Every structure is written in structure tokens, then in C-alpha cells.
Amino acid sequence: LTSNARQAAGHAARPTLRAPPPPLPAAAPAMATAAAVTPKRRAPSAAAIDGDAPKRAKRRTTAERIAAAAGAAAALALKASPDAAQTEVARLQRARTCFGPGGWDGRLPCRDVEQADISAHLTKAVKQGGSCQVLYISGMPGTGKTASVMNTLKHLTADATLPRIAPVHINAMRLGSPAAVFSEIYSQLPGARSCPAAAAHAELSSFFESRKATDPVVLLMVDEVDQLVTRTQAVLYRVFAWLSLPRPRLIVVAISNTMDLPERLLPRVASRFGIVRVDYLPYRRDQIVQILHDRLEHHDAAGAFAPTALRLCAARVAAGSGDIRKALQLCCRAVEVRLASPGVRGPADVKHLEVAEKELLRASPSARAIAGLPLRTRRFLTALLLELKRTGAEFAALPALTLRYTRLLVAAAATQASETPSRAEGGEATISDATPPATPAPAASAAPPTASFLGAGGHADEEVAYMVAALKAIGIVQQQEHVATGDMALSRALSLGAGLDTDDLAVALEGMEEHTGLAALITDARTRRRIG
């Protein structure tokens, strides 16, 4: 048995003989000889032909391994925390809420000094049973004026140690006419009966003349009070005249977007009352960042907005009007854009903010309408923008606006011929807003320099009147019939329509203006709060 095992092992160790090759054709004896002498080689592979292919394959294999490892790690993280995505979405939804209209909790960061002044005056006035001084609060839109008064009123009403308060809130912008303020005030008084609008002023005078010491103090807050200014200022005179009654138990708070309204009042009106001023400056960039960050933290959504995007939003708003409402609107829309982005992780960032800014501009009906206006109408709006920025007021006198419009047309035409050579030399033609370029004196038989730009005969007033009527019809501008300024009253003045501010107007005009000099003026007006 042992001998047989060795013999079987020896047979297994012997090499296996290959089968003899098939006979070759007679035409290839040399090939057969070479094949018998040269050892057989395998056919070269594609990797052998391309020497870099193995390295690339190795690198590709390494990258695939890294990607697979990253995917496995992400899957493991999601498996370990199955509600991670839901937590992020919930944080973004809280951020959207905090930036929305319902996100205000009554606190006003960066307005501590102004709120302290308002609270001190109103508290003293309520304790005294009224005040013969008008609390005049002025500032740009969106700076917290009305919110500060409402917040103070909330605390005063809740204070049981103070006399009772009957608040009356009037927004003069919503009135059909200045005289309608009397019927609106009367309708909000405690125990008021219905009465005709024509008899409302007489009823109010009788009401304030017969007040008792135990009656509640009426706190009359008139928002947009400059809308009550008429040619004779009779409406304001009648309202402020109640303060001179023996015991009206009345407190008047006047809120305005213009700071110089008291100086523009007629002497007979200004002599009826004293003034306590509280001025609200536009929000700075650091203040806007603080307000936005405070809202995020208060709603437990601090990580829902990238800090860089937050600072960028604050810088853009502060460079314009400083309106905190615009910053909140931009951030809210940016968060909505981020929530609507499938497969995206992380907070709302700069790209979402850019999309929000473009969408909000396109969403404005007035901004869309501006894009379809004729060239000369857009130039008229450019003149309105520059005039509003120059004065810092919310309205522009129509005569001054017409003059500026005429100068813009002349300046644009004067630089039109030199703009092409200047660009050929590598420069750009510009227009100065302060002084229009000098034009050569026309010949005796030539038409006035503005005649060719203002139509037949050069009647600027007729063209401006036509454009104002068209712009009013589509809601881009509003015409104020009687506006007091200085020692005189203007019967014609223009302001921007509801829902449109100077920033939106500048952005809409800037994208449509092809003239280099005018585009530079619009950009300058957009990036600065006020121009000279």
C-alpha cells in the first residue's frame, strides 16, 4: 500500500503533457520555426499600450473608495440621527416665522433711547390727565416710530396705577381727504354715536369741552400726519386747538416721515401748542445685523441663516433707506427660497438672498410697470428720484421736478454726441447732477435749446402733466394737492405710490437706463441716502 501511494504521488507530480498543435499550412514553415524557438507571449492589453492607464485606474478606484466611504458615513449619520433633516427644516421654518409679520414680540433693539423718551413723556402726560404739548416723532419709513409708540401704549394700558387710557389710532394715509380725520376720530371714541361726517368736528369739540376729571385720557396718535396739511392748514389748526381747552384730557402724538413739518406750519397753527421732538435716524448696518440676529436667537433659529448673507443683507438695506422692513422681507424670502430647494443642506446663504432680491423686485407691480414705460417717462422718474434724494423729503415740488427733468434731457442730449468718441478713446461720458453741461448759445433764428427735447414749442409743463396723469393711473406716483413748505404752500407736489420706495425705483431705473451718465446718477442715488 505504501509503494502504491508513492507511485500515485509521483504520477501526480509529473507535468501534464500538452496536446500536439494542429498541423500548420505549408506556406508558413518559417513561422513555425520561429514559434518553436521564441517563447509564446501574450497579446498586449490596452493597459500595456497606454502606460498611464493603470495610474488613472488606480486614482479612479481611490476616488470611488473615498466617495463610497463618504456616502456610507452620511448614511450612517442619518441612520444614527434619523430626524436630522427634519430638525434643519424645522429651524428654517422658525426663521421664516421670525422674519415674517408675526415674528415681532414687542421688543425693539437699538431703539432704547427713543423708547425711553417716548415712555417718559406719555407716562407724565397720562398722570397729569393730558398734555398741551404735541409729541412729534419723525424719521424715515421703517425705523420703528409707530412700533415704539404702540409698545409704550401697551405698557401704559397694562399699568393699573395709571388713569384709564382711550387710544385712538389714525393713519392719515388711508383717509379719503384731510377733513375725513374728524369722523374717523369720533368713531373711535368711547361711547361715540353715529353722526354725519359734516357734523363730526362739532361733536368732537363738544366732547372735549365737557370732559370730567374721572374720564379716561384720550391718546390720539396720528400716523402720517403730514397728509393732513392743506393750503390753509385748517385741519391741523382744528385738531391742535383742542389742546388749548380747559380740560380736554387729551394727548396728541404726531408721527411723520419728514423732520421739518413743525417748521413748515403756519404761525397761527404752530402757536397753538408746544412740541416735544423724538427723531428716529435710519438703521445702520450693525444695527440691522443685531436686529436680525436677535430675532433668529429669540425664535431658536440662529443657524438657519448664514452670517455672511445676514451681513450682506444689512449692508444693502443700510446703504439705501435703512428700512428694517425691507431687510426682514428679504431674509424671509431667502429662507423660503432655501426651503424650496430640493436636495440642498445647510442654512440660507448668499445665493438664496440674491434670488430673493430679484424675485421681490419682479413681484412689485410698480417695478414691472416701470420696465415697460417709454424712455422719456423713465427719464422723468429719474428726475423724481434725484429730487427726492436731494431734499430728503417724501414729496417733490412739481416746478422743481419739471426743471430737473428739463435739465436731464438737455444734458443727456449734449453728451450723446460726445459719448461715442469718448468710448472709442476708452472713457465714458458722464453727467453731473449739480450743474448741467454748458450748451452753446443758440442763434437768433434757432429754437430754444429745450424745444427739440420737449416737443413742438418746447412746452415742458404740458408734457409733464401728461406723464404725471399716466403715472398716477398705474399707481407709480401720487399727487399731493396742497403741501406746505417753508413760508408757502405748494399746490402741486409728487410722491411715490404705495408699495414703492426710492430704492425700488432706483433699481428698476438702473437696469433700463442705457445712457452712461444717467445710469451713474441713478447708481449714486441708490447707494447714498441723500444727494446734494
Protein backbone atom coordinates (compact mmCIF):
# COMPACT_ATOMS: atom_id res chain seq x y z
CA LEU A 1 0.00 0.00 0.00
CA THR A 2 2.88 2.38 0.78
CA SER A 3 4.56 1.63 -2.54
CA ASN A 4 1.34 2.27 -4.45
CA ALA A 5 0.87 5.63 -2.66
CA ARG A 6 4.39 6.73 -3.62
CA GLN A 7 3.76 5.72 -7.21
CA ALA A 8 0.49 7.68 -7.31
CA ALA A 9 2.21 10.73 -5.82
CA GLY A 10 4.96 10.50 -8.42
CA HIS A 11 2.43 10.42 -11.25
CA ALA A 12 0.62 13.46 -9.78
CA ALA A 13 3.88 15.44 -9.53
CA ARG A 14 4.79 14.88 -13.17
CA PRO A 15 3.93 17.77 -15.54
CA THR A 16 0.98 17.28 -17.79
CA LEU A 17 1.91 16.99 -21.46
CA ARG A 18 0.15 19.42 -23.81
CA ALA A 19 -1.71 18.13 -26.81
CA PRO A 20 0.25 18.44 -30.05
CA PRO A 21 -0.63 21.50 -32.10
CA PRO A 22 -2.59 21.08 -35.28
CA PRO A 23 -0.54 20.82 -38.50
CA LEU A 24 0.40 24.16 -39.92
CA PRO A 25 -0.07 25.10 -43.51
CA ALA A 26 2.86 24.55 -45.78
CA ALA A 27 3.06 28.23 -46.57
CA ALA A 28 4.28 29.09 -43.06
CA PRO A 29 7.32 26.86 -42.28
CA ALA A 30 9.35 29.87 -41.14
CA MET A 31 6.63 30.96 -38.80
CA ALA A 32 6.52 27.52 -37.28
CA THR A 33 10.29 27.54 -36.76
CA ALA A 34 10.12 30.98 -35.09
CA ALA A 35 7.27 29.88 -32.89
CA ALA A 36 9.22 26.81 -31.83
CA VAL A 37 12.35 28.83 -30.98
CA THR A 38 10.70 32.01 -29.44
CA PRO A 39 8.66 31.51 -26.28
CA LYS A 40 4.99 32.32 -26.66
CA ARG A 41 3.93 35.83 -25.47
CA ARG A 42 0.52 37.00 -24.54
CA ALA A 43 -1.18 39.68 -26.63
CA PRO A 44 -0.55 43.18 -25.21
CA SER A 45 -3.50 44.59 -23.28
CA ALA A 46 -4.92 48.08 -23.57
CA ALA A 47 -3.35 48.96 -20.22
CA ALA A 48 0.05 47.89 -21.53
CA ILE A 49 -0.36 50.04 -24.62
CA ASP A 50 -1.29 53.12 -22.53
CA GLY A 51 1.26 53.39 -19.75
CA ASP A 52 -0.78 55.97 -17.74
CA ALA A 53 -3.95 53.92 -17.71
CA PRO A 54 -3.05 51.90 -14.60
CA LYS A 55 -2.34 55.10 -12.70
CA ARG A 56 -5.60 56.63 -13.78
CA ALA A 57 -7.45 53.47 -12.94
CA LYS A 58 -5.81 53.46 -9.54
CA ARG A 59 -6.72 57.09 -8.93
CA ARG A 60 -10.28 56.46 -10.09
CA THR A 61 -10.52 53.49 -7.81
CA THR A 62 -9.24 55.59 -4.90
CA ALA A 63 -11.76 58.35 -5.60
CA GLU A 64 -14.53 55.81 -5.81
CA ARG A 65 -13.48 54.38 -2.50
CA ILE A 66 -13.44 57.84 -0.90
CA ALA A 67 -16.85 58.68 -2.33
CA ALA A 68 -18.24 55.38 -1.17
CA ALA A 69 -16.79 55.95 2.29
CA ALA A 70 -18.31 59.45 2.42
CA GLY A 71 -21.67 58.11 1.32
CA ALA A 72 -21.50 55.40 3.91
CA ALA A 73 -20.59 57.94 6.59
CA ALA A 74 -23.52 60.16 5.57
CA ALA A 75 -25.87 57.20 5.57
CA LEU A 76 -24.53 56.19 8.97
CA ALA A 77 -25.06 59.72 10.30
CA LEU A 78 -28.61 59.80 9.01
CA LYS A 79 -29.20 56.35 10.43
CA ALA A 80 -27.80 57.46 13.78
CA SER A 81 -29.92 60.64 13.70
CA PRO A 82 -32.99 59.92 11.57
CA ASP A 83 -34.58 63.33 12.31
CA ALA A 84 -31.55 65.46 11.29
CA ALA A 85 -33.18 66.67 8.08
CA GLN A 86 -36.47 67.31 9.86
CA THR A 87 -34.63 69.34 12.51
CA GLU A 88 -33.00 71.53 9.87
CA VAL A 89 -36.30 72.12 8.09
CA ALA A 90 -37.97 73.00 11.38
CA ARG A 91 -35.20 75.52 12.11
CA LEU A 92 -35.67 77.13 8.71
CA GLN A 93 -39.43 77.30 9.24
CA ARG A 94 -38.89 79.06 12.57
CA ALA A 95 -36.59 81.51 10.81
CA ARG A 96 -39.27 82.22 8.23
CA THR A 97 -41.73 82.90 11.04
CA CYS A 98 -39.39 85.23 12.91
CA PHE A 99 -38.77 87.33 9.79
CA GLY A 100 -42.48 87.47 8.95
CA PRO A 101 -45.15 89.89 10.21
CA GLY A 102 -45.97 87.64 13.16
CA GLY A 103 -42.36 87.39 14.33
CA TRP A 104 -42.31 90.65 16.29
CA ASP A 105 -42.54 90.08 20.04
CA GLY A 106 -42.81 93.72 21.07
CA ARG A 107 -39.10 94.31 21.65
CA LEU A 108 -37.24 96.96 19.63
CA PRO A 109 -33.47 96.52 19.79
CA CYS A 110 -31.31 99.57 19.07
CA ARG A 111 -34.14 101.97 19.98
CA ASP A 112 -33.73 102.11 23.76
CA VAL A 113 -33.07 105.87 23.92
CA GLU A 114 -36.01 106.80 21.70
CA GLN A 115 -38.40 104.48 23.56
CA ALA A 116 -37.29 105.91 26.88
CA ASP A 117 -38.07 109.46 25.70
CA ILE A 118 -41.50 108.42 24.40
CA SER A 119 -42.32 106.49 27.57
CA ALA A 120 -41.25 109.37 29.83
CA HIS A 121 -43.42 111.92 28.00
CA LEU A 122 -46.51 109.72 27.70
CA THR A 123 -46.31 108.48 31.30
CA LYS A 124 -46.11 112.04 32.61
CA ALA A 125 -48.94 113.18 30.34
CA VAL A 126 -51.22 110.33 31.42
CA LYS A 127 -50.58 111.05 35.10
CA GLN A 128 -51.42 114.72 34.54
CA GLY A 129 -54.61 113.87 32.68
CA GLY A 130 -53.37 115.21 29.34
CA SER A 131 -50.72 117.48 27.87
CA CYS A 132 -50.73 120.74 25.92
CA GLN A 133 -47.58 119.61 24.13
CA VAL A 134 -47.58 117.51 20.98
CA LEU A 135 -45.21 114.56 20.90
CA TYR A 136 -43.75 114.83 17.39
CA ILE A 137 -41.95 111.67 16.20
CA SER A 138 -40.16 111.92 12.88
CA GLY A 139 -37.91 109.67 10.82
CA MET A 140 -37.60 107.66 7.65
CA PRO A 141 -40.11 104.87 6.98
CA GLY A 142 -39.30 101.56 8.63
CA THR A 143 -37.29 102.98 11.52
CA GLY A 144 -39.63 101.85 14.32
CA LYS A 145 -41.63 105.03 15.03
CA THR A 146 -45.13 103.55 15.14
CA ALA A 147 -43.92 100.32 16.74
CA SER A 148 -42.29 102.27 19.57
CA VAL A 149 -45.50 104.18 20.35
CA MET A 150 -47.62 101.03 20.22
CA ASN A 151 -45.19 99.21 22.51
CA THR A 152 -45.25 102.06 25.03
CA LEU A 153 -49.04 102.28 24.83
CA LYS A 154 -49.28 98.57 25.59
CA HIS A 155 -47.32 99.00 28.81
CA LEU A 156 -49.23 102.12 29.85
CA THR A 157 -52.57 100.42 29.34
CA ALA A 158 -51.48 97.45 31.44
CA ASP A 159 -50.30 99.67 34.32
CA ALA A 160 -53.13 99.65 36.90
CA THR A 161 -51.63 102.61 38.79
CA LEU A 162 -52.22 104.99 35.89
CA PRO A 163 -55.53 106.58 34.84
CA ARG A 164 -57.52 104.84 32.16
CA ILE A 165 -56.48 105.40 28.55
CA ALA A 166 -58.70 105.52 25.47
CA PRO A 167 -56.36 105.04 22.49
CA VAL A 168 -57.33 106.47 19.08
CA HIS A 169 -55.08 105.50 16.17
CA ILE A 170 -55.45 107.33 12.85
CA ASN A 171 -53.45 106.60 9.71
CA ALA A 172 -53.87 109.74 7.62
CA MET A 173 -52.59 107.97 4.52
CA ARG A 174 -55.78 105.90 4.43
CA LEU A 175 -58.14 108.84 4.61
CA GLY A 176 -60.01 109.93 1.54
CA SER A 177 -59.40 113.59 2.36
CA PRO A 178 -57.80 115.53 5.24
CA ALA A 179 -61.21 116.59 6.54
CA ALA A 180 -62.21 112.93 6.95
CA VAL A 181 -59.96 112.73 10.02
CA PHE A 182 -62.72 114.16 12.25
CA SER A 183 -65.25 111.43 11.54
CA GLU A 184 -62.54 108.80 11.94
CA ILE A 185 -61.52 110.17 15.34
CA TYR A 186 -65.11 110.41 16.52
CA SER A 187 -65.84 106.80 15.52
CA GLN A 188 -63.06 105.52 17.80
CA LEU A 189 -64.01 107.48 20.92
CA PRO A 190 -65.61 105.54 23.80
CA GLY A 191 -69.40 105.74 23.70
CA ALA A 192 -69.47 107.51 20.35
CA ARG A 193 -72.74 107.64 18.46
CA SER A 194 -73.11 107.66 14.72
CA CYS A 195 -73.17 111.12 13.21
CA PRO A 196 -72.82 112.65 9.75
CA ALA A 197 -69.28 113.36 8.59
CA ALA A 198 -70.02 117.06 8.30
CA ALA A 199 -71.02 117.22 11.99
CA ALA A 200 -68.06 115.21 13.30
CA HIS A 201 -65.88 118.23 14.10
CA ALA A 202 -68.63 119.93 16.10
CA GLU A 203 -69.30 116.71 18.02
CA LEU A 204 -65.60 116.34 18.83
CA SER A 205 -65.34 119.92 20.07
CA SER A 206 -68.35 119.38 22.32
CA PHE A 207 -66.83 116.12 23.56
CA PHE A 208 -63.51 117.68 24.61
CA GLU A 209 -65.16 120.73 26.15
CA SER A 210 -67.25 118.64 28.59
CA ARG A 211 -64.66 116.22 29.94
CA LYS A 212 -64.66 115.21 33.62
CA ALA A 213 -61.70 114.50 35.85
CA THR A 214 -62.67 110.82 36.03
CA ASP A 215 -62.95 110.36 32.28
CA PRO A 216 -60.26 108.30 30.52
CA VAL A 217 -57.40 110.12 28.88
CA VAL A 218 -57.70 110.12 25.09
CA LEU A 219 -54.39 109.30 23.46
CA LEU A 220 -54.72 110.45 19.84
CA MET A 221 -51.97 109.02 17.63
CA VAL A 222 -51.96 110.40 14.08
CA ASP A 223 -49.68 108.46 11.75
CA GLU A 224 -48.54 110.15 8.51
CA VAL A 225 -49.70 113.47 9.96
CA ASP A 226 -48.25 115.44 7.03
CA GLN A 227 -51.13 114.10 4.93
CA LEU A 228 -53.41 116.45 6.89
CA VAL A 229 -51.58 119.54 5.65
CA THR A 230 -53.75 121.70 3.41
CA ARG A 231 -53.25 125.10 1.80
CA THR A 232 -54.70 126.94 4.81
CA GLN A 233 -53.71 124.18 7.30
CA ALA A 234 -57.23 124.43 8.73
CA VAL A 235 -57.46 120.71 9.60
CA LEU A 236 -54.30 120.73 11.74
CA TYR A 237 -55.38 124.01 13.33
CA ARG A 238 -58.67 122.49 14.46
CA VAL A 239 -57.05 119.32 15.79
CA PHE A 240 -54.39 121.14 17.79
CA ALA A 241 -56.90 123.73 19.02
CA TRP A 242 -58.43 121.09 21.32
CA LEU A 243 -55.25 121.16 23.39
CA SER A 244 -55.97 124.75 24.45
CA LEU A 245 -59.32 123.83 26.02
CA PRO A 246 -59.56 123.97 29.85
CA ARG A 247 -59.71 120.21 30.47
CA PRO A 248 -59.71 118.14 27.27
CA ARG A 249 -57.87 115.18 28.86
CA LEU A 250 -56.14 114.72 25.51
CA ILE A 251 -52.66 113.61 24.43
CA VAL A 252 -51.63 114.08 20.79
CA VAL A 253 -48.86 112.04 19.20
CA ALA A 254 -47.96 113.07 15.64
CA ILE A 255 -45.84 110.69 13.54
CA SER A 256 -44.30 111.86 10.29
CA ASN A 257 -41.68 110.79 7.76
CA THR A 258 -40.43 114.38 7.47
CA MET A 259 -38.43 116.10 10.18
CA ASP A 260 -39.26 119.71 9.29
CA LEU A 261 -43.06 119.65 9.43
CA PRO A 262 -43.25 121.91 12.53
CA GLU A 263 -41.09 124.50 10.76
CA ARG A 264 -43.40 124.38 7.73
CA LEU A 265 -46.53 125.06 9.73
CA LEU A 266 -48.12 128.48 9.59
CA PRO A 267 -47.52 130.68 12.65
CA ARG A 268 -51.18 130.65 13.68
CA VAL A 269 -51.06 126.83 13.80
CA ALA A 270 -47.67 126.49 15.48
CA SER A 271 -48.70 128.94 18.21
CA ARG A 272 -51.47 126.62 19.42
CA PHE A 273 -49.19 124.03 21.01
CA GLY A 274 -45.69 123.18 22.16
CA ILE A 275 -43.60 120.38 20.67
CA VAL A 276 -41.59 117.55 22.19
CA ARG A 277 -39.38 116.02 19.48
CA VAL A 278 -38.15 112.46 19.11
CA ASP A 279 -36.14 111.85 15.94
CA TYR A 280 -35.52 108.39 14.51
CA LEU A 281 -32.42 108.03 12.36
CA PRO A 282 -32.23 105.30 9.69
CA TYR A 283 -30.85 101.99 10.91
CA ARG A 284 -27.13 101.45 10.43
CA ARG A 285 -25.65 98.23 9.12
CA ASP A 286 -24.55 96.97 12.53
CA GLN A 287 -27.98 97.73 13.98
CA ILE A 288 -29.75 95.81 11.23
CA VAL A 289 -27.46 92.83 11.80
CA GLN A 290 -28.21 92.99 15.53
CA ILE A 291 -31.98 93.12 14.95
CA LEU A 292 -31.95 90.19 12.51
CA HIS A 293 -29.69 88.10 14.75
CA ASP A 294 -31.84 88.94 17.79
CA ARG A 295 -34.95 87.66 16.03
CA LEU A 296 -33.23 84.45 15.00
CA GLU A 297 -31.99 83.76 18.52
CA HIS A 298 -35.34 84.58 20.10
CA HIS A 299 -37.06 82.01 17.86
CA ASP A 300 -34.33 79.35 18.31
CA ALA A 301 -33.28 79.62 14.64
CA ALA A 302 -29.74 81.02 14.95
CA GLY A 303 -28.24 78.53 12.50
CA ALA A 304 -30.84 78.98 9.77
CA PHE A 305 -29.15 81.95 8.10
CA ALA A 306 -25.51 82.20 7.08
CA PRO A 307 -23.72 85.09 8.86
CA THR A 308 -22.22 86.31 5.59
CA ALA A 309 -25.65 86.54 3.96
CA LEU A 310 -27.02 88.31 7.03
CA ARG A 311 -24.28 90.96 6.89
CA LEU A 312 -24.73 91.38 3.13
CA CYS A 313 -28.46 91.95 3.51
CA ALA A 314 -27.87 94.51 6.26
CA ALA A 315 -25.26 96.35 4.20
CA ARG A 316 -27.52 96.64 1.18
CA VAL A 317 -30.50 97.88 3.16
CA ALA A 318 -28.41 100.34 5.20
CA ALA A 319 -26.88 101.76 2.01
CA GLY A 320 -30.39 102.60 0.81
CA SER A 321 -33.24 103.68 3.05
CA GLY A 322 -32.30 101.84 6.24
CA ASP A 323 -35.83 100.39 6.32
CA ILE A 324 -35.78 97.36 8.62
CA ARG A 325 -38.98 96.07 7.00
CA LYS A 326 -37.14 95.58 3.72
CA ALA A 327 -34.37 93.61 5.48
CA LEU A 328 -36.95 91.37 7.15
CA GLN A 329 -38.75 90.85 3.85
CA LEU A 330 -35.53 89.91 2.04
CA CYS A 331 -34.48 87.46 4.75
CA CYS A 332 -37.93 85.87 4.90
CA ARG A 333 -37.97 85.33 1.15
CA ALA A 334 -34.39 83.99 1.18
CA VAL A 335 -35.40 81.35 3.73
CA GLU A 336 -38.40 80.42 1.58
CA VAL A 337 -36.09 80.01 -1.43
CA ARG A 338 -33.84 77.75 0.63
CA LEU A 339 -36.81 75.64 1.78
CA ALA A 340 -37.96 75.26 -1.81
CA SER A 341 -34.53 74.00 -2.97
CA PRO A 342 -34.62 70.17 -3.15
CA GLY A 343 -31.52 68.23 -2.16
CA VAL A 344 -29.82 71.25 -0.52
CA ARG A 345 -28.48 71.11 3.00
CA GLY A 346 -27.34 73.91 5.26
CA PRO A 347 -28.62 77.42 6.06
CA ALA A 348 -29.89 80.10 3.71
CA ASP A 349 -26.86 81.76 2.15
CA VAL A 350 -25.87 84.48 -0.30
CA LYS A 351 -27.22 82.77 -3.40
CA HIS A 352 -30.65 82.43 -1.81
CA LEU A 353 -30.52 86.10 -0.83
CA GLU A 354 -29.70 87.10 -4.42
CA VAL A 355 -32.67 85.13 -5.73
CA ALA A 356 -34.95 86.70 -3.12
CA GLU A 357 -33.85 90.20 -4.05
CA LYS A 358 -34.56 89.64 -7.74
CA GLU A 359 -37.91 87.99 -7.06
CA LEU A 360 -39.10 90.77 -4.78
CA LEU A 361 -38.24 93.37 -7.36
CA ARG A 362 -40.07 91.45 -10.08
CA ALA A 363 -43.01 90.86 -7.73
CA SER A 364 -43.61 94.60 -7.39
CA PRO A 365 -46.30 95.64 -9.92
CA SER A 366 -44.86 99.15 -10.00
CA ALA A 367 -41.36 97.88 -10.77
CA ARG A 368 -42.71 95.73 -13.59
CA ALA A 369 -44.65 98.68 -14.96
CA ILE A 370 -41.54 100.88 -14.96
CA ALA A 371 -39.78 98.44 -17.27
CA GLY A 372 -42.46 98.97 -19.92
CA LEU A 373 -42.55 102.77 -19.78
CA PRO A 374 -41.32 104.96 -22.66
CA LEU A 375 -37.83 106.43 -22.46
CA ARG A 376 -38.90 109.98 -21.66
CA THR A 377 -41.23 108.82 -18.88
CA ARG A 378 -38.37 106.85 -17.32
CA ARG A 379 -36.22 109.98 -17.53
CA PHE A 380 -38.96 111.88 -15.71
CA LEU A 381 -38.92 109.23 -12.97
CA THR A 382 -35.13 109.62 -12.81
CA ALA A 383 -35.65 113.34 -12.20
CA LEU A 384 -38.16 112.49 -9.46
CA LEU A 385 -35.70 110.07 -7.85
CA LEU A 386 -32.90 112.67 -7.84
CA GLU A 387 -35.19 115.35 -6.45
CA LEU A 388 -36.43 113.12 -3.63
CA LYS A 389 -32.86 112.18 -2.74
CA ARG A 390 -31.75 115.80 -2.86
CA THR A 391 -34.42 117.09 -0.50
CA GLY A 392 -34.68 114.01 1.70
CA ALA A 393 -38.46 114.52 1.76
CA GLU A 394 -41.21 112.17 0.68
CA PHE A 395 -42.57 114.54 -1.97
CA ALA A 396 -41.08 116.73 -4.70
CA ALA A 397 -42.44 120.09 -5.81
CA LEU A 398 -43.66 119.83 -9.37
CA PRO A 399 -42.00 123.06 -10.60
CA ALA A 400 -38.59 121.97 -9.31
CA LEU A 401 -39.19 118.49 -10.71
CA THR A 402 -40.03 119.90 -14.13
CA LEU A 403 -36.85 121.97 -14.12
CA ARG A 404 -34.71 119.00 -13.19
CA TYR A 405 -36.36 116.86 -15.87
CA THR A 406 -35.64 119.54 -18.50
CA ARG A 407 -32.00 119.74 -17.42
CA LEU A 408 -31.62 115.98 -17.62
CA LEU A 409 -32.93 115.95 -21.17
CA VAL A 410 -30.59 118.75 -22.21
CA ALA A 411 -27.60 117.17 -20.50
CA ALA A 412 -28.32 113.73 -21.97
CA ALA A 413 -28.61 115.18 -25.48
CA ALA A 414 -25.45 117.26 -25.04
CA THR A 415 -23.38 114.23 -24.04
CA GLN A 416 -24.93 111.91 -26.60
CA ALA A 417 -22.67 113.14 -29.41
CA SER A 418 -19.51 113.01 -27.31
CA GLU A 419 -20.28 109.64 -25.74
CA THR A 420 -19.28 107.59 -28.79
CA PRO A 421 -15.85 109.27 -29.26
CA SER A 422 -15.21 109.06 -25.54
CA ARG A 423 -15.89 105.31 -25.53
CA ALA A 424 -13.64 104.92 -28.55
CA GLU A 425 -10.83 106.55 -26.55
CA GLY A 426 -11.55 104.25 -23.60
CA GLY A 427 -13.51 106.74 -21.47
CA GLU A 428 -17.14 107.29 -20.61
CA ALA A 429 -19.33 110.34 -20.84
CA THR A 430 -20.78 111.50 -17.55
CA ILE A 431 -23.44 113.91 -16.36
CA SER A 432 -23.20 115.96 -13.21
CA ASP A 433 -26.38 116.21 -11.22
CA ALA A 434 -25.40 119.50 -9.66
CA THR A 435 -24.89 121.56 -12.81
CA PRO A 436 -25.82 120.58 -16.34
CA PRO A 437 -23.14 120.91 -19.02
CA ALA A 438 -22.85 124.26 -20.68
CA THR A 439 -24.51 124.49 -24.07
CA PRO A 440 -23.56 126.98 -26.79
CA ALA A 441 -25.81 129.99 -27.17
CA PRO A 442 -28.35 129.37 -29.93
CA ALA A 443 -28.50 131.52 -32.97
CA ALA A 444 -31.12 134.22 -33.18
CA SER A 445 -33.25 132.20 -35.55
CA ALA A 446 -32.73 128.90 -33.76
CA ALA A 447 -35.27 127.37 -31.42
CA PRO A 448 -34.61 127.32 -27.67
CA PRO A 449 -32.23 124.51 -26.66
CA THR A 450 -35.01 122.59 -24.92
CA ALA A 451 -37.52 122.89 -27.73
CA SER A 452 -36.24 119.85 -29.61
CA PHE A 453 -36.48 117.75 -26.48
CA LEU A 454 -39.88 118.92 -25.24
CA GLY A 455 -41.87 118.56 -28.42
CA ALA A 456 -43.36 121.22 -30.61
CA GLY A 457 -42.94 124.60 -28.97
CA GLY A 458 -40.97 123.16 -26.05
CA HIS A 459 -43.86 123.14 -23.56
CA ALA A 460 -42.40 121.17 -20.65
CA ASP A 461 -45.42 121.70 -18.40
CA GLU A 462 -47.79 120.06 -20.85
CA GLU A 463 -45.57 117.02 -21.28
CA VAL A 464 -45.02 116.70 -17.53
CA ALA A 465 -48.75 116.98 -16.87
CA TYR A 466 -49.41 114.19 -19.36
CA MET A 467 -46.75 111.92 -17.79
CA VAL A 468 -47.99 112.62 -14.26
CA ALA A 469 -51.52 111.65 -15.25
CA ALA A 470 -50.28 108.42 -16.83
CA LEU A 471 -48.09 107.53 -13.84
CA LYS A 472 -50.91 108.26 -11.40
CA ALA A 473 -53.22 105.97 -13.36
CA ILE A 474 -50.91 102.99 -12.84
CA GLY A 475 -50.09 103.86 -9.22
CA ILE A 476 -46.40 104.72 -9.60
CA VAL A 477 -46.80 108.29 -8.27
CA GLN A 478 -49.26 110.15 -6.11
CA GLN A 479 -50.05 113.84 -6.42
CA GLN A 480 -50.33 115.93 -3.29
CA GLU A 481 -52.58 118.87 -3.98
CA HIS A 482 -51.63 121.05 -1.02
CA VAL A 483 -48.22 120.70 0.66
CA ALA A 484 -46.77 123.30 2.99
CA THR A 485 -43.07 124.02 2.73
CA GLY A 486 -41.26 126.87 4.39
CA ASP A 487 -43.36 130.03 4.38
CA MET A 488 -45.51 129.00 1.42
CA ALA A 489 -47.87 126.23 0.40
CA LEU A 490 -47.34 124.28 -2.80
CA SER A 491 -50.45 123.29 -4.67
CA ARG A 492 -48.66 120.61 -6.69
CA ALA A 493 -46.22 118.01 -5.43
CA LEU A 494 -45.45 114.38 -6.28
CA SER A 495 -44.59 111.39 -4.13
CA LEU A 496 -44.07 107.74 -4.92
CA GLY A 497 -47.06 105.44 -4.95
CA ALA A 498 -47.92 102.94 -2.25
CA GLY A 499 -45.56 99.97 -2.10
CA LEU A 500 -42.77 101.77 -4.00
CA ASP A 501 -39.79 103.46 -2.37
CA THR A 502 -36.72 105.19 -3.74
CA ASP A 503 -34.62 102.02 -3.55
CA ASP A 504 -37.04 100.04 -5.71
CA LEU A 505 -37.34 102.93 -8.14
CA ALA A 506 -33.56 103.25 -8.43
CA VAL A 507 -33.06 99.52 -9.06
CA ALA A 508 -35.81 99.45 -11.69
CA LEU A 509 -34.46 102.52 -13.50
CA GLU A 510 -30.84 101.44 -13.25
CA GLY A 511 -31.49 98.24 -15.15
CA MET A 512 -33.21 100.10 -18.00
CA GLU A 513 -31.04 103.19 -18.43
CA GLU A 514 -28.62 102.95 -21.36
CA HIS A 515 -27.08 106.41 -21.02
CA THR A 516 -23.82 106.14 -19.08
CA GLY A 517 -24.11 109.46 -17.29
CA LEU A 518 -27.71 108.99 -16.20
CA ALA A 519 -27.00 105.42 -15.10
CA ALA A 520 -24.18 106.76 -12.91
CA LEU A 521 -26.54 109.29 -11.32
CA ILE A 522 -29.10 106.57 -10.59
CA THR A 523 -26.45 104.32 -9.06
CA ASP A 524 -25.21 107.19 -6.91
CA ALA A 525 -28.76 107.91 -5.76
CA ARG A 526 -29.27 104.25 -4.90
CA THR A 527 -26.09 103.89 -2.85
CA ARG A 528 -26.46 107.12 -0.91
CA ARG A 529 -29.29 108.19 1.36
CA ARG A 530 -29.22 111.78 0.27
CA ILE A 531 -27.54 113.71 -2.53
CA GLY A 532 -26.77 117.39 -2.83
